[in-house]
């Protein structure tokens, strides 16, 4: 369960964050979360300012199913996401950052058409990963 103070959760975000297969990720557990396997980091930001966040929150479980749970999903706590966003060069909300074994595969900002998601995610997981910059 997410505990945040900066902005209230919309119903779509609340449903996503209440799922047992979605992990809250903060600066304290980020490196451990991304170290093993394929994963996605979901950068939300303020749902009032970025209404597409709800669309992505609804799409994420569908993506997990479409890719046979190939990746784990970590939702970045909006209260602490600014430093993490810099680390992964995320400037747009919402964004999905795809990683393998701690290395960045790519970033998909904003909401996309379903077929575009499928094609781009497939391409990302078939690309060579790039090292993740250290947080200073």
N, C-alpha and C. Protein backbone atom coordinates (compact mmCIF):
# COMPACT_ATOMS: atom_id res chain seq x y z
N UNK A 1 0.84 -1.18 0.00
CA UNK A 1 0.00 0.00 0.00
C UNK A 1 0.88 1.24 0.00
N UNK A 2 0.57 2.17 -0.87
CA UNK A 2 1.35 3.39 -0.97
C UNK A 2 0.97 4.35 0.15
N UNK A 3 1.97 4.98 0.68
CA UNK A 3 1.77 6.03 1.68
C UNK A 3 2.44 7.27 1.15
N UNK A 4 1.62 8.20 0.72
CA UNK A 4 2.15 9.41 0.11
C UNK A 4 1.49 10.63 0.72
N UNK A 5 2.20 11.73 0.62
CA UNK A 5 1.65 12.97 1.16
C UNK A 5 1.47 14.04 0.10
N UNK A 6 2.22 13.98 -0.98
CA UNK A 6 2.24 15.08 -1.95
C UNK A 6 0.94 15.24 -2.71
N UNK A 7 0.37 14.17 -3.19
CA UNK A 7 -0.85 14.29 -3.98
C UNK A 7 -1.75 13.09 -3.72
N UNK A 8 -3.05 13.30 -3.75
CA UNK A 8 -3.96 12.18 -3.51
C UNK A 8 -3.95 11.21 -4.69
N UNK A 9 -4.28 9.96 -4.40
CA UNK A 9 -4.34 8.95 -5.45
C UNK A 9 -5.70 8.98 -6.12
N UNK A 10 -5.70 8.88 -7.43
CA UNK A 10 -6.95 8.73 -8.16
C UNK A 10 -7.43 7.29 -7.97
N UNK A 11 -8.70 7.00 -8.26
CA UNK A 11 -9.17 5.61 -8.16
C UNK A 11 -8.37 4.63 -9.02
N UNK A 12 -7.97 5.04 -10.23
CA UNK A 12 -7.20 4.15 -11.09
C UNK A 12 -5.83 3.84 -10.48
N UNK A 13 -5.17 4.86 -9.94
CA UNK A 13 -3.87 4.62 -9.29
C UNK A 13 -4.04 3.78 -8.03
N UNK A 14 -5.08 4.03 -7.27
CA UNK A 14 -5.33 3.25 -6.05
C UNK A 14 -5.50 1.77 -6.39
N UNK A 15 -6.27 1.47 -7.44
CA UNK A 15 -6.47 0.07 -7.85
C UNK A 15 -5.13 -0.55 -8.25
N UNK A 16 -4.34 0.18 -9.03
CA UNK A 16 -3.05 -0.36 -9.46
C UNK A 16 -2.14 -0.59 -8.26
N UNK A 17 -2.04 0.40 -7.38
CA UNK A 17 -1.13 0.30 -6.25
C UNK A 17 -1.57 -0.73 -5.22
N UNK A 18 -2.84 -1.10 -5.23
CA UNK A 18 -3.32 -2.12 -4.30
C UNK A 18 -3.07 -3.54 -4.81
N UNK A 19 -2.65 -3.68 -6.04
CA UNK A 19 -2.36 -5.01 -6.59
C UNK A 19 -1.12 -5.59 -5.90
N UNK A 20 -1.16 -6.88 -5.57
CA UNK A 20 0.00 -7.48 -4.90
C UNK A 20 1.23 -7.60 -5.80
N UNK A 21 1.04 -7.52 -7.11
CA UNK A 21 2.18 -7.66 -8.03
C UNK A 21 2.77 -6.31 -8.46
N UNK A 22 2.35 -5.24 -7.82
CA UNK A 22 2.93 -3.91 -8.06
C UNK A 22 3.65 -3.48 -6.79
N UNK A 23 4.93 -3.20 -6.92
CA UNK A 23 5.73 -2.84 -5.74
C UNK A 23 5.96 -1.34 -5.69
N UNK A 24 5.86 -0.77 -4.51
CA UNK A 24 6.23 0.63 -4.32
C UNK A 24 7.75 0.71 -4.29
N UNK A 25 8.28 1.62 -5.09
CA UNK A 25 9.73 1.77 -5.18
C UNK A 25 10.09 3.20 -4.76
N UNK A 26 11.06 3.27 -3.87
CA UNK A 26 11.56 4.56 -3.40
C UNK A 26 13.09 4.52 -3.49
N UNK A 27 13.73 5.58 -3.08
CA UNK A 27 15.19 5.61 -3.13
C UNK A 27 15.81 4.53 -2.26
N UNK A 28 15.11 4.11 -1.22
CA UNK A 28 15.65 3.09 -0.31
C UNK A 28 15.70 1.69 -0.93
N UNK A 29 14.74 1.34 -1.79
CA UNK A 29 14.72 -0.02 -2.32
C UNK A 29 14.90 -0.08 -3.84
N UNK A 30 15.18 1.04 -4.48
CA UNK A 30 15.30 1.09 -5.93
C UNK A 30 16.36 0.15 -6.48
N UNK A 31 17.59 0.25 -5.99
CA UNK A 31 18.68 -0.55 -6.55
C UNK A 31 18.42 -2.05 -6.40
N UNK A 32 17.88 -2.46 -5.29
CA UNK A 32 17.54 -3.87 -5.12
C UNK A 32 16.45 -4.32 -6.06
N UNK A 33 15.47 -3.45 -6.29
CA UNK A 33 14.36 -3.80 -7.17
C UNK A 33 14.81 -3.99 -8.61
N UNK A 34 15.68 -3.11 -9.11
CA UNK A 34 16.07 -3.18 -10.52
C UNK A 34 17.23 -4.14 -10.77
N UNK A 35 17.86 -4.66 -9.73
CA UNK A 35 19.08 -5.46 -9.88
C UNK A 35 18.87 -6.78 -10.59
N UNK A 36 17.70 -7.39 -10.42
CA UNK A 36 17.48 -8.73 -10.97
C UNK A 36 16.27 -8.76 -11.90
N UNK A 37 16.47 -9.36 -13.05
CA UNK A 37 15.36 -9.61 -13.96
C UNK A 37 14.93 -8.39 -14.77
N UNK A 38 13.84 -8.58 -15.48
CA UNK A 38 13.25 -7.51 -16.28
C UNK A 38 12.25 -6.76 -15.42
N UNK A 39 12.24 -5.45 -15.52
CA UNK A 39 11.29 -4.67 -14.73
C UNK A 39 10.92 -3.38 -15.44
N UNK A 40 9.82 -2.82 -14.97
CA UNK A 40 9.34 -1.52 -15.42
C UNK A 40 9.22 -0.63 -14.20
N UNK A 41 9.67 0.59 -14.33
CA UNK A 41 9.43 1.61 -13.31
C UNK A 41 8.37 2.56 -13.86
N UNK A 42 7.32 2.77 -13.10
CA UNK A 42 6.22 3.64 -13.50
C UNK A 42 6.36 4.97 -12.77
N UNK A 43 6.65 6.03 -13.53
CA UNK A 43 6.74 7.39 -12.99
C UNK A 43 5.41 8.07 -13.22
N UNK A 44 4.75 8.43 -12.13
CA UNK A 44 3.41 8.97 -12.24
C UNK A 44 3.37 10.48 -12.21
N UNK A 45 3.92 11.07 -11.20
CA UNK A 45 3.77 12.51 -11.03
C UNK A 45 2.40 12.82 -10.46
N UNK A 46 1.94 14.03 -10.67
CA UNK A 46 0.67 14.50 -10.15
C UNK A 46 -0.44 14.16 -11.14
N UNK A 47 -1.38 13.31 -10.71
CA UNK A 47 -2.46 12.86 -11.60
C UNK A 47 -3.40 13.98 -12.01
N UNK A 48 -3.49 15.04 -11.23
CA UNK A 48 -4.32 16.18 -11.62
C UNK A 48 -3.64 16.94 -12.77
N UNK A 49 -2.36 17.10 -12.65
CA UNK A 49 -1.59 17.82 -13.67
C UNK A 49 -1.40 16.98 -14.93
N UNK A 50 -1.27 15.66 -14.77
CA UNK A 50 -1.02 14.75 -15.89
C UNK A 50 -2.12 13.69 -15.94
N UNK A 51 -3.28 13.99 -16.52
CA UNK A 51 -4.39 13.04 -16.50
C UNK A 51 -4.13 11.72 -17.23
N UNK A 52 -3.14 11.69 -18.13
CA UNK A 52 -2.80 10.43 -18.81
C UNK A 52 -2.31 9.37 -17.84
N UNK A 53 -1.93 9.77 -16.64
CA UNK A 53 -1.44 8.82 -15.65
C UNK A 53 -2.48 7.74 -15.39
N UNK A 54 -3.75 8.11 -15.30
CA UNK A 54 -4.79 7.11 -15.08
C UNK A 54 -4.87 6.12 -16.22
N UNK A 55 -4.70 6.59 -17.46
CA UNK A 55 -4.73 5.68 -18.60
C UNK A 55 -3.61 4.65 -18.50
N UNK A 56 -2.42 5.10 -18.18
CA UNK A 56 -1.29 4.19 -18.05
C UNK A 56 -1.50 3.23 -16.88
N UNK A 57 -2.07 3.71 -15.80
CA UNK A 57 -2.35 2.85 -14.64
C UNK A 57 -3.29 1.71 -15.01
N UNK A 58 -4.22 1.96 -15.90
CA UNK A 58 -5.15 0.92 -16.35
C UNK A 58 -4.46 -0.02 -17.34
N UNK A 59 -3.55 0.51 -18.14
CA UNK A 59 -2.88 -0.28 -19.18
C UNK A 59 -1.82 -1.22 -18.59
N UNK A 60 -1.15 -0.83 -17.53
CA UNK A 60 -0.04 -1.63 -16.99
C UNK A 60 -0.42 -3.09 -16.72
N UNK A 61 -1.52 -3.38 -16.02
CA UNK A 61 -1.86 -4.80 -15.81
C UNK A 61 -2.11 -5.55 -17.12
N UNK A 62 -2.65 -4.85 -18.11
CA UNK A 62 -2.87 -5.48 -19.42
C UNK A 62 -1.54 -5.78 -20.11
N UNK A 63 -0.57 -4.88 -19.97
CA UNK A 63 0.76 -5.14 -20.52
C UNK A 63 1.41 -6.32 -19.82
N UNK A 64 1.26 -6.38 -18.51
CA UNK A 64 1.82 -7.51 -17.76
C UNK A 64 1.25 -8.82 -18.30
N UNK A 65 -0.05 -8.86 -18.53
CA UNK A 65 -0.69 -10.08 -19.05
C UNK A 65 -0.24 -10.37 -20.48
N UNK A 66 -0.17 -9.34 -21.31
CA UNK A 66 0.21 -9.53 -22.72
C UNK A 66 1.63 -10.08 -22.85
N UNK A 67 2.49 -9.75 -21.91
CA UNK A 67 3.87 -10.24 -21.94
C UNK A 67 4.08 -11.36 -20.93
N UNK A 68 3.00 -12.05 -20.56
CA UNK A 68 3.06 -13.22 -19.68
C UNK A 68 3.85 -12.96 -18.41
N UNK A 69 3.64 -11.81 -17.81
CA UNK A 69 4.32 -11.43 -16.57
C UNK A 69 5.83 -11.53 -16.68
N UNK A 70 6.35 -11.21 -17.84
CA UNK A 70 7.79 -11.25 -18.10
C UNK A 70 8.55 -10.28 -17.21
N UNK A 71 7.90 -9.19 -16.84
CA UNK A 71 8.57 -8.16 -16.06
C UNK A 71 7.80 -7.87 -14.79
N UNK A 72 8.54 -7.44 -13.78
CA UNK A 72 7.90 -6.95 -12.55
C UNK A 72 7.72 -5.45 -12.69
N UNK A 73 6.76 -4.91 -11.97
CA UNK A 73 6.46 -3.49 -12.08
C UNK A 73 6.66 -2.82 -10.74
N UNK A 74 7.41 -1.74 -10.75
CA UNK A 74 7.59 -0.92 -9.57
C UNK A 74 7.07 0.48 -9.85
N UNK A 75 6.19 0.93 -9.00
CA UNK A 75 5.66 2.29 -9.12
C UNK A 75 6.49 3.21 -8.24
N UNK A 76 7.05 4.23 -8.86
CA UNK A 76 7.87 5.17 -8.12
C UNK A 76 6.97 6.05 -7.26
N UNK A 77 7.30 6.12 -5.99
CA UNK A 77 6.52 6.93 -5.07
C UNK A 77 6.60 8.39 -5.51
N UNK A 78 5.46 9.02 -5.83
CA UNK A 78 5.49 10.41 -6.30
C UNK A 78 6.12 11.39 -5.30
N UNK A 79 6.09 11.05 -4.02
CA UNK A 79 6.70 11.94 -3.02
C UNK A 79 8.21 12.01 -3.15
N UNK A 80 8.82 10.98 -3.74
CA UNK A 80 10.28 10.91 -3.80
C UNK A 80 10.81 10.69 -5.22
N UNK A 81 9.99 10.94 -6.24
CA UNK A 81 10.39 10.55 -7.59
C UNK A 81 11.32 11.52 -8.31
N UNK A 82 11.45 12.74 -7.85
CA UNK A 82 12.24 13.73 -8.59
C UNK A 82 13.69 13.28 -8.80
N UNK A 83 14.37 12.82 -7.77
CA UNK A 83 15.76 12.38 -7.92
C UNK A 83 15.86 11.14 -8.79
N UNK A 84 14.91 10.23 -8.63
CA UNK A 84 14.91 9.02 -9.43
C UNK A 84 14.66 9.35 -10.90
N UNK A 85 13.80 10.31 -11.17
CA UNK A 85 13.53 10.72 -12.54
C UNK A 85 14.79 11.27 -13.21
N UNK A 86 15.57 12.04 -12.47
CA UNK A 86 16.83 12.55 -13.02
C UNK A 86 17.77 11.41 -13.37
N UNK A 87 17.84 10.44 -12.49
CA UNK A 87 18.74 9.31 -12.70
C UNK A 87 18.42 8.57 -14.00
N UNK A 88 17.13 8.41 -14.30
CA UNK A 88 16.72 7.66 -15.48
C UNK A 88 16.35 8.56 -16.65
N UNK A 89 16.65 9.85 -16.53
CA UNK A 89 16.40 10.84 -17.58
C UNK A 89 14.93 10.87 -17.98
N UNK A 90 14.06 10.86 -16.98
CA UNK A 90 12.62 10.94 -17.20
C UNK A 90 12.20 12.38 -16.98
N UNK A 91 11.71 13.01 -18.03
CA UNK A 91 11.27 14.39 -17.92
C UNK A 91 9.78 14.56 -18.16
N UNK A 92 9.14 13.52 -18.64
CA UNK A 92 7.72 13.57 -18.98
C UNK A 92 6.96 12.58 -18.10
N UNK A 93 5.78 13.01 -17.66
CA UNK A 93 4.92 12.12 -16.88
C UNK A 93 3.64 11.89 -17.66
N UNK A 94 3.10 10.73 -17.64
CA UNK A 94 3.66 9.50 -17.07
C UNK A 94 4.75 8.94 -17.99
N UNK A 95 5.64 8.13 -17.42
CA UNK A 95 6.67 7.43 -18.18
C UNK A 95 6.86 6.04 -17.61
N UNK A 96 7.18 5.12 -18.50
CA UNK A 96 7.56 3.77 -18.13
C UNK A 96 9.02 3.59 -18.51
N UNK A 97 9.85 3.20 -17.53
CA UNK A 97 11.26 2.93 -17.77
C UNK A 97 11.44 1.42 -17.74
N UNK A 98 12.00 0.87 -18.79
CA UNK A 98 12.20 -0.57 -18.92
C UNK A 98 13.66 -0.89 -18.62
N UNK A 99 13.87 -1.89 -17.75
CA UNK A 99 15.22 -2.27 -17.34
C UNK A 99 15.37 -3.79 -17.37
N UNK A 100 16.62 -4.21 -17.51
CA UNK A 100 16.99 -5.62 -17.39
C UNK A 100 18.27 -5.69 -16.58
N UNK A 101 18.20 -6.44 -15.48
CA UNK A 101 19.38 -6.64 -14.62
C UNK A 101 20.04 -5.31 -14.26
N UNK A 102 19.23 -4.29 -14.02
CA UNK A 102 19.74 -2.99 -13.61
C UNK A 102 20.15 -2.07 -14.74
N UNK A 103 20.11 -2.54 -15.98
CA UNK A 103 20.50 -1.71 -17.12
C UNK A 103 19.25 -1.22 -17.86
N UNK A 104 19.29 0.02 -18.27
CA UNK A 104 18.14 0.63 -18.94
C UNK A 104 18.00 0.13 -20.37
N UNK A 105 16.78 -0.27 -20.72
CA UNK A 105 16.46 -0.65 -22.09
C UNK A 105 15.85 0.52 -22.85
N UNK A 106 15.08 1.34 -22.14
CA UNK A 106 14.46 2.49 -22.78
C UNK A 106 13.37 3.09 -21.92
N UNK A 107 12.86 4.23 -22.38
CA UNK A 107 11.80 4.95 -21.68
C UNK A 107 10.67 5.21 -22.66
N UNK A 108 9.44 4.90 -22.23
CA UNK A 108 8.25 5.20 -23.03
C UNK A 108 7.43 6.25 -22.28
N UNK A 109 7.48 7.50 -22.74
CA UNK A 109 6.69 8.55 -22.09
C UNK A 109 5.26 8.60 -22.63
N UNK A 110 4.37 9.10 -21.81
CA UNK A 110 2.96 9.33 -22.17
C UNK A 110 2.25 8.02 -22.50
N UNK A 111 0.98 8.14 -22.78
CA UNK A 111 0.17 6.98 -23.14
C UNK A 111 0.31 6.75 -24.65
N UNK A 112 0.20 5.49 -25.05
CA UNK A 112 0.35 5.12 -26.46
C UNK A 112 -0.79 4.20 -26.87
N UNK A 113 -0.97 4.02 -28.16
CA UNK A 113 -1.93 3.04 -28.64
C UNK A 113 -1.44 1.64 -28.26
N UNK A 114 -2.39 0.73 -28.09
CA UNK A 114 -2.06 -0.63 -27.64
C UNK A 114 -1.03 -1.29 -28.56
N UNK A 115 -1.24 -1.26 -29.86
CA UNK A 115 -0.32 -1.91 -30.79
C UNK A 115 1.07 -1.28 -30.72
N UNK A 116 1.12 0.02 -30.50
CA UNK A 116 2.41 0.71 -30.37
C UNK A 116 3.13 0.23 -29.11
N UNK A 117 2.39 0.13 -28.00
CA UNK A 117 3.00 -0.41 -26.78
C UNK A 117 3.60 -1.78 -27.05
N UNK A 118 2.83 -2.67 -27.66
CA UNK A 118 3.31 -4.03 -27.89
C UNK A 118 4.57 -4.04 -28.74
N UNK A 119 4.56 -3.29 -29.83
CA UNK A 119 5.73 -3.24 -30.71
C UNK A 119 6.94 -2.63 -30.03
N UNK A 120 6.74 -1.51 -29.33
CA UNK A 120 7.88 -0.83 -28.71
C UNK A 120 8.45 -1.62 -27.54
N UNK A 121 7.60 -2.25 -26.76
CA UNK A 121 8.10 -3.05 -25.64
C UNK A 121 8.86 -4.26 -26.16
N UNK A 122 8.33 -4.91 -27.19
CA UNK A 122 9.03 -6.05 -27.78
C UNK A 122 10.40 -5.61 -28.29
N UNK A 123 10.47 -4.46 -28.96
CA UNK A 123 11.75 -3.95 -29.46
C UNK A 123 12.71 -3.63 -28.32
N UNK A 124 12.20 -3.04 -27.24
CA UNK A 124 13.06 -2.72 -26.10
C UNK A 124 13.67 -3.97 -25.49
N UNK A 125 12.87 -5.02 -25.33
CA UNK A 125 13.39 -6.22 -24.70
C UNK A 125 14.29 -7.03 -25.63
N UNK A 126 14.37 -6.65 -26.89
CA UNK A 126 15.29 -7.29 -27.81
C UNK A 126 16.50 -6.42 -28.11
N UNK A 127 16.60 -5.26 -27.45
CA UNK A 127 17.72 -4.33 -27.65
C UNK A 127 18.80 -4.57 -26.61
N UNK A 128 19.97 -4.05 -26.88
CA UNK A 128 21.07 -4.14 -25.91
C UNK A 128 20.84 -3.13 -24.79
N UNK A 129 20.92 -3.57 -23.53
CA UNK A 129 20.72 -2.64 -22.41
C UNK A 129 21.87 -1.65 -22.25
N UNK A 130 21.53 -0.50 -21.67
CA UNK A 130 22.51 0.55 -21.38
C UNK A 130 22.68 0.64 -19.86
N UNK A 131 23.89 0.85 -19.36
CA UNK A 131 24.08 0.95 -17.91
C UNK A 131 23.26 2.09 -17.30
N UNK A 132 22.81 1.88 -16.09
CA UNK A 132 22.06 2.90 -15.36
C UNK A 132 23.07 3.82 -14.68
N UNK A 133 22.92 5.13 -14.84
CA UNK A 133 23.83 6.04 -14.14
C UNK A 133 23.67 5.93 -12.63
N UNK A 134 24.76 6.12 -11.93
CA UNK A 134 24.72 6.12 -10.47
C UNK A 134 24.08 7.41 -9.99
N UNK A 135 23.35 7.33 -8.90
CA UNK A 135 22.74 8.51 -8.30
C UNK A 135 23.76 9.16 -7.38
N UNK A 136 24.08 10.42 -7.64
CA UNK A 136 25.06 11.14 -6.81
C UNK A 136 24.37 12.13 -5.93
